[in-house]
Protein backbone atom coordinates (compact mmCIF):
# COMPACT_ATOMS: atom_id res chain seq x y z
CA MET A 1 37.59 6.72 -57.13
CA SER A 2 36.69 7.01 -60.72
CA ARG A 3 37.53 4.42 -63.15
CA SER A 4 39.60 6.92 -65.21
CA ARG A 5 41.99 7.42 -62.41
CA HIS A 6 42.18 3.82 -61.41
CA MET A 7 43.08 2.93 -64.84
CA ARG A 8 45.83 5.63 -64.74
CA LEU A 9 47.30 4.41 -61.78
CA VAL A 10 47.49 0.95 -63.13
CA ARG A 11 49.32 2.23 -66.21
CA LEU A 12 51.87 3.94 -64.09
CA ALA A 13 52.49 0.94 -62.24
CA GLY A 14 53.34 -1.10 -65.30
CA VAL A 15 55.43 1.52 -66.64
CA VAL A 16 57.74 2.09 -63.58
CA VAL A 17 58.11 -1.45 -62.40
CA LEU A 18 59.26 -2.31 -65.88
CA ILE A 19 61.60 0.43 -66.40
CA ALA A 20 63.82 -0.55 -63.12
CA PRO A 21 65.29 -3.69 -64.43
CA PHE A 22 66.21 -1.85 -67.83
CA LEU A 23 68.28 0.85 -65.87
CA ALA A 24 70.26 -1.83 -64.29
CA GLN A 25 72.05 -2.64 -67.68
CA ALA A 26 73.49 0.95 -67.62
CA ALA A 27 77.30 1.56 -68.00
CA PRO A 28 79.60 0.37 -65.12
CA PRO A 29 80.96 2.68 -62.64
CA ALA A 30 84.59 4.20 -62.66
CA ALA A 31 86.82 4.14 -59.76
CA GLU A 32 86.51 6.73 -56.95
CA PRO A 33 90.04 8.65 -56.03
CA GLU A 34 89.51 7.87 -52.32
CA GLU A 35 89.30 3.94 -53.05
CA ASP A 36 92.29 2.06 -52.04
CA ALA A 37 94.56 0.34 -54.62
CA ALA A 38 93.20 -3.00 -54.07
CA SER A 39 89.63 -1.89 -54.53
CA GLN A 40 90.58 0.22 -57.69
CA VAL A 41 92.13 -2.88 -59.11
CA ILE A 42 88.90 -4.80 -58.69
CA ILE A 43 87.01 -2.00 -60.23
CA THR A 44 89.23 -1.74 -63.25
CA LYS A 45 88.59 -5.54 -63.91
CA TYR A 46 85.25 -5.11 -63.81
CA LEU A 47 85.23 -2.11 -65.95
CA ASP A 48 87.12 -4.01 -68.53
CA ALA A 49 84.88 -7.03 -68.08
CA ALA A 50 81.87 -4.93 -68.53
CA LYS A 51 83.08 -3.40 -71.97
CA THR A 52 83.59 -6.98 -73.01
CA GLN A 53 80.00 -7.94 -71.76
CA GLN A 54 78.64 -5.03 -73.83
CA ARG A 55 80.42 -5.85 -77.06
CA SER A 56 79.07 -9.66 -76.75
CA MET A 57 75.59 -8.46 -76.24
CA ARG A 58 75.54 -6.92 -79.84
CA GLY A 59 73.93 -9.25 -82.26
CA ALA A 60 72.66 -11.55 -79.55
CA GLN A 61 69.40 -13.19 -79.57
CA MET A 62 67.58 -14.89 -77.02
CA GLU A 63 64.15 -16.07 -75.90
CA VAL A 64 62.15 -14.32 -73.01
CA ARG A 65 59.18 -15.42 -70.87
CA ILE A 66 57.64 -12.27 -69.25
CA ALA A 67 55.37 -12.83 -66.53
CA ALA A 68 53.39 -9.73 -65.00
CA LYS A 69 50.74 -9.45 -62.34
CA LEU A 70 48.79 -7.11 -60.37
CA PRO A 71 47.82 -9.47 -57.52
CA ARG A 72 45.09 -7.16 -55.78
CA LEU A 73 43.39 -6.95 -58.94
CA GLU A 74 43.89 -10.66 -59.55
CA LYS A 75 45.05 -9.96 -63.05
CA GLN A 76 48.22 -11.79 -64.69
CA GLY A 77 49.44 -12.82 -68.05
CA THR A 78 52.50 -14.28 -69.76
CA LEU A 79 54.16 -13.38 -73.02
CA LYS A 80 56.86 -15.29 -74.90
CA ALA A 81 58.92 -13.43 -77.47
CA LEU A 82 62.20 -13.42 -79.14
CA ARG A 83 64.39 -10.78 -78.14
CA THR A 84 67.19 -9.49 -80.50
CA ILE A 85 69.90 -6.74 -79.93
CA SER A 86 71.36 -5.24 -83.12
CA LYS A 87 75.02 -4.39 -83.88
CA PHE A 88 74.00 -1.00 -82.75
CA GLY A 89 72.48 -2.02 -79.45
CA LYS A 90 68.69 -1.48 -80.49
CA ILE A 91 66.56 -4.00 -78.81
CA THR A 92 63.58 -5.45 -80.93
CA TYR A 93 60.84 -8.14 -79.63
CA LYS A 94 59.05 -10.65 -81.86
CA ALA A 95 56.13 -11.96 -79.83
CA LEU A 96 55.72 -15.83 -80.00
CA GLY A 97 52.60 -16.07 -77.69
CA PHE A 98 50.41 -14.66 -74.80
CA SER A 99 48.36 -16.19 -72.19
CA GLY A 100 46.18 -14.41 -69.57
CA ASP A 101 44.52 -11.19 -69.06
CA SER A 102 44.64 -8.96 -72.13
CA PHE A 103 44.78 -5.66 -69.77
CA ILE A 104 48.18 -7.28 -68.56
CA LYS A 105 49.25 -7.59 -72.09
CA ASN A 106 48.39 -4.05 -73.20
CA GLU A 107 49.10 -1.93 -70.06
CA VAL A 108 52.23 -3.69 -68.51
CA ILE A 109 54.14 -5.98 -70.82
CA THR A 110 53.58 -4.02 -74.03
CA ARG A 111 54.72 -0.95 -72.35
CA TYR A 112 57.79 -2.59 -71.01
CA LEU A 113 58.50 -3.50 -74.59
CA SER A 114 58.20 -0.21 -76.03
CA ALA A 115 60.19 1.51 -72.94
CA GLU A 116 63.14 -0.86 -73.79
CA SER A 117 62.94 -0.57 -77.39
CA GLU A 118 62.48 3.31 -77.75
CA VAL A 119 64.90 4.57 -75.20
CA HIS A 120 67.23 6.98 -76.77
CA ASP A 121 69.84 7.88 -74.14
CA PRO A 122 70.38 5.40 -71.47
CA GLY A 123 73.57 6.77 -70.66
CA ALA A 124 71.64 9.61 -69.08
CA LEU A 125 71.09 7.57 -65.99
CA ALA A 126 74.19 5.60 -66.28
CA ILE A 127 76.24 4.43 -63.49
CA THR A 128 79.02 6.74 -63.91
CA PRO A 129 81.06 8.96 -61.49
CA ALA A 130 78.85 12.00 -62.64
CA ASN A 131 75.72 10.15 -61.27
CA TYR A 132 77.09 7.70 -58.60
CA LYS A 133 79.50 7.00 -55.60
CA PHE A 134 80.50 3.48 -55.26
CA LYS A 135 82.56 1.43 -52.58
CA TYR A 136 84.06 -2.13 -52.70
CA LYS A 137 82.07 -3.97 -49.91
CA GLY A 138 84.07 -7.44 -49.98
CA ALA A 139 83.85 -11.05 -51.07
CA MET A 140 81.76 -13.96 -50.34
CA ASN A 141 80.94 -17.56 -51.78
CA GLN A 142 77.87 -18.10 -53.75
CA ASN A 143 76.75 -21.40 -55.26
CA GLY A 144 80.52 -22.37 -55.30
CA ARG A 145 81.58 -19.24 -56.99
CA ARG A 146 83.61 -16.42 -55.33
CA VAL A 147 81.97 -13.12 -55.92
CA GLN A 148 83.06 -9.31 -55.11
CA ILE A 149 80.38 -6.87 -54.23
CA LEU A 150 80.36 -3.11 -55.30
CA GLN A 151 77.85 -0.83 -53.54
CA VAL A 152 76.56 1.99 -55.79
CA THR A 153 75.22 5.09 -54.24
CA PRO A 154 73.62 8.05 -56.51
CA ARG A 155 75.28 11.49 -56.07
CA LYS A 156 71.89 13.12 -56.02
CA LYS A 157 68.19 12.09 -55.42
CA MET A 158 66.71 12.19 -59.05
CA VAL A 159 64.01 9.87 -60.57
CA GLY A 160 65.77 6.86 -62.43
CA LEU A 161 68.78 6.57 -60.23
CA PHE A 162 68.90 3.67 -57.74
CA ARG A 163 70.88 2.56 -54.51
CA GLY A 164 72.06 -1.12 -54.56
CA GLU A 165 74.84 -3.52 -55.28
CA ILE A 166 76.66 -5.10 -58.12
CA TRP A 167 77.87 -8.70 -57.37
CA MET A 168 80.90 -9.61 -59.75
CA ASP A 169 82.45 -12.93 -60.46
CA ALA A 170 85.92 -12.77 -58.86
CA GLU A 171 87.43 -14.85 -61.64
CA THR A 172 85.90 -13.03 -64.79
CA ALA A 173 85.10 -9.88 -63.01
CA MET A 174 81.66 -10.22 -65.08
CA PRO A 175 78.50 -9.35 -63.28
CA VAL A 176 76.41 -12.01 -61.73
CA ARG A 177 73.86 -10.00 -59.86
CA GLU A 178 72.55 -6.43 -59.89
CA ALA A 179 69.98 -5.25 -57.36
CA GLY A 180 68.51 -1.82 -56.22
CA ARG A 181 65.75 0.46 -55.22
CA PHE A 182 64.95 4.01 -56.88
CA VAL A 183 65.97 6.68 -54.60
CA LYS A 184 63.11 8.96 -55.70
CA ASN A 185 59.62 7.67 -56.70
CA PRO A 186 58.42 9.00 -60.10
CA SER A 187 55.13 9.47 -58.65
CA ILE A 188 53.17 10.00 -55.40
CA GLY A 189 51.25 6.87 -56.39
CA LEU A 190 54.32 4.82 -56.20
CA LYS A 191 56.66 3.54 -53.61
CA LYS A 192 59.49 1.05 -53.24
CA VAL A 193 60.32 0.45 -56.83
CA GLU A 194 62.84 -2.39 -56.58
CA PHE A 195 64.72 -4.61 -59.20
CA VAL A 196 66.92 -7.70 -59.02
CA ARG A 197 68.85 -8.85 -62.26
CA GLU A 198 70.78 -12.13 -62.54
CA TYR A 199 73.28 -13.46 -64.98
CA GLU A 200 75.21 -16.73 -65.79
CA ILE A 201 78.74 -16.87 -66.86
CA GLN A 202 78.89 -18.54 -70.42
CA ASP A 203 82.38 -18.71 -71.86
CA GLY A 204 83.60 -16.05 -69.83
CA VAL A 205 80.90 -13.70 -70.40
CA ALA A 206 77.90 -12.80 -68.37
CA ILE A 207 74.37 -13.77 -69.90
CA PRO A 208 71.46 -12.29 -68.64
CA THR A 209 68.90 -15.17 -66.92
CA HIS A 210 66.39 -13.51 -64.80
CA ILE A 211 65.13 -10.36 -63.76
CA GLU A 212 62.61 -9.63 -60.93
CA SER A 213 61.13 -6.21 -60.41
CA THR A 214 58.19 -4.86 -58.02
CA ALA A 215 56.66 -1.64 -57.28
CA ASP A 216 53.94 -0.77 -54.31
CA VAL A 217 51.08 1.25 -55.92
CA ARG A 218 48.40 3.22 -54.23
CA VAL A 219 44.79 1.61 -54.43
CA VAL A 220 45.78 -1.16 -56.54
CA GLY A 221 48.73 -2.75 -54.43
CA ARG A 222 51.78 -4.44 -55.49
CA ALA A 223 52.76 -4.81 -59.24
CA GLU A 224 55.15 -7.58 -60.10
CA LEU A 225 57.13 -8.66 -63.05
CA SER A 226 59.24 -11.75 -63.82
CA ILE A 227 61.44 -12.38 -67.07
CA ASP A 228 63.27 -15.58 -67.84
CA PHE A 229 65.93 -15.48 -70.62
CA SER A 230 66.97 -18.65 -72.64
CA ASN A 231 68.57 -20.11 -75.63
CA PHE A 232 71.25 -17.36 -76.08
CA THR A 233 72.65 -17.25 -79.28
CA ARG A 234 74.71 -14.55 -81.21
CA GLN A 235 73.82 -13.72 -84.92
CA GLU A 236 76.85 -12.95 -86.87
CA SER A 237 75.85 -11.23 -90.33
CA ALA A 238 77.66 -10.58 -93.14
CA GLU A 239 77.89 -6.93 -92.40
CA ASP A 240 79.15 -7.91 -88.65
CA ALA A 241 81.96 -10.17 -90.15
CA ALA A 242 83.20 -8.29 -93.18
CA PRO A 243 85.59 -4.98 -92.71
CA ASP A 244 83.80 -1.71 -93.53
CA SER A 245 85.06 -0.70 -97.08
CA ASN A 246 83.72 3.12 -96.34
CA ARG A 247 86.33 3.58 -93.42
């Protein structure tokens, strides 16, 4: 294999394995007509909670630790950064420090930061009735907390859609875990693109705490990404707090 083709495959691994966790943040599902009354009540609670969560994320800041690796190539690196979400939902990053292989920084981590910051229409692949069917699967106890499980299934096999589950806290209806696998690989060089996203309930709102994402890539093997979130704060600006005089 030529060096140029090898580099293209590795770059593709970086882009796809990092897009998966971003897609998990899409809008929540709406109730299917065939769901029974009890399931619809649960889903409605989740929809309301998700709206509250989305509003709470506006104006938020948090520190992130992004670790990426290509084990077969023995390349890895870790970036620490400050992640900010504007009141309009735009995500920006301020790098605080990097250690590791510069190839991982430039071709994997930087591509993730750009993909998340530059997305223009996250609703195009949102978890909505147009894109997904879903089903209430039941409840269980996890770490002393009662959680209810929603199964999501794409209506069509399209790049960017995933099959998986959303776990919601039974008390607050906030998500505590989202996980899935893409139903269509973006390239013949990729397979098994998967993600898991975890949340912690703080003051009644789900705050992201951890993401794991992986993809199997032809020739270069497994690509892995791990993100930890910490020190969540919400920045109230004067513009946020004051009423809009132009309305």
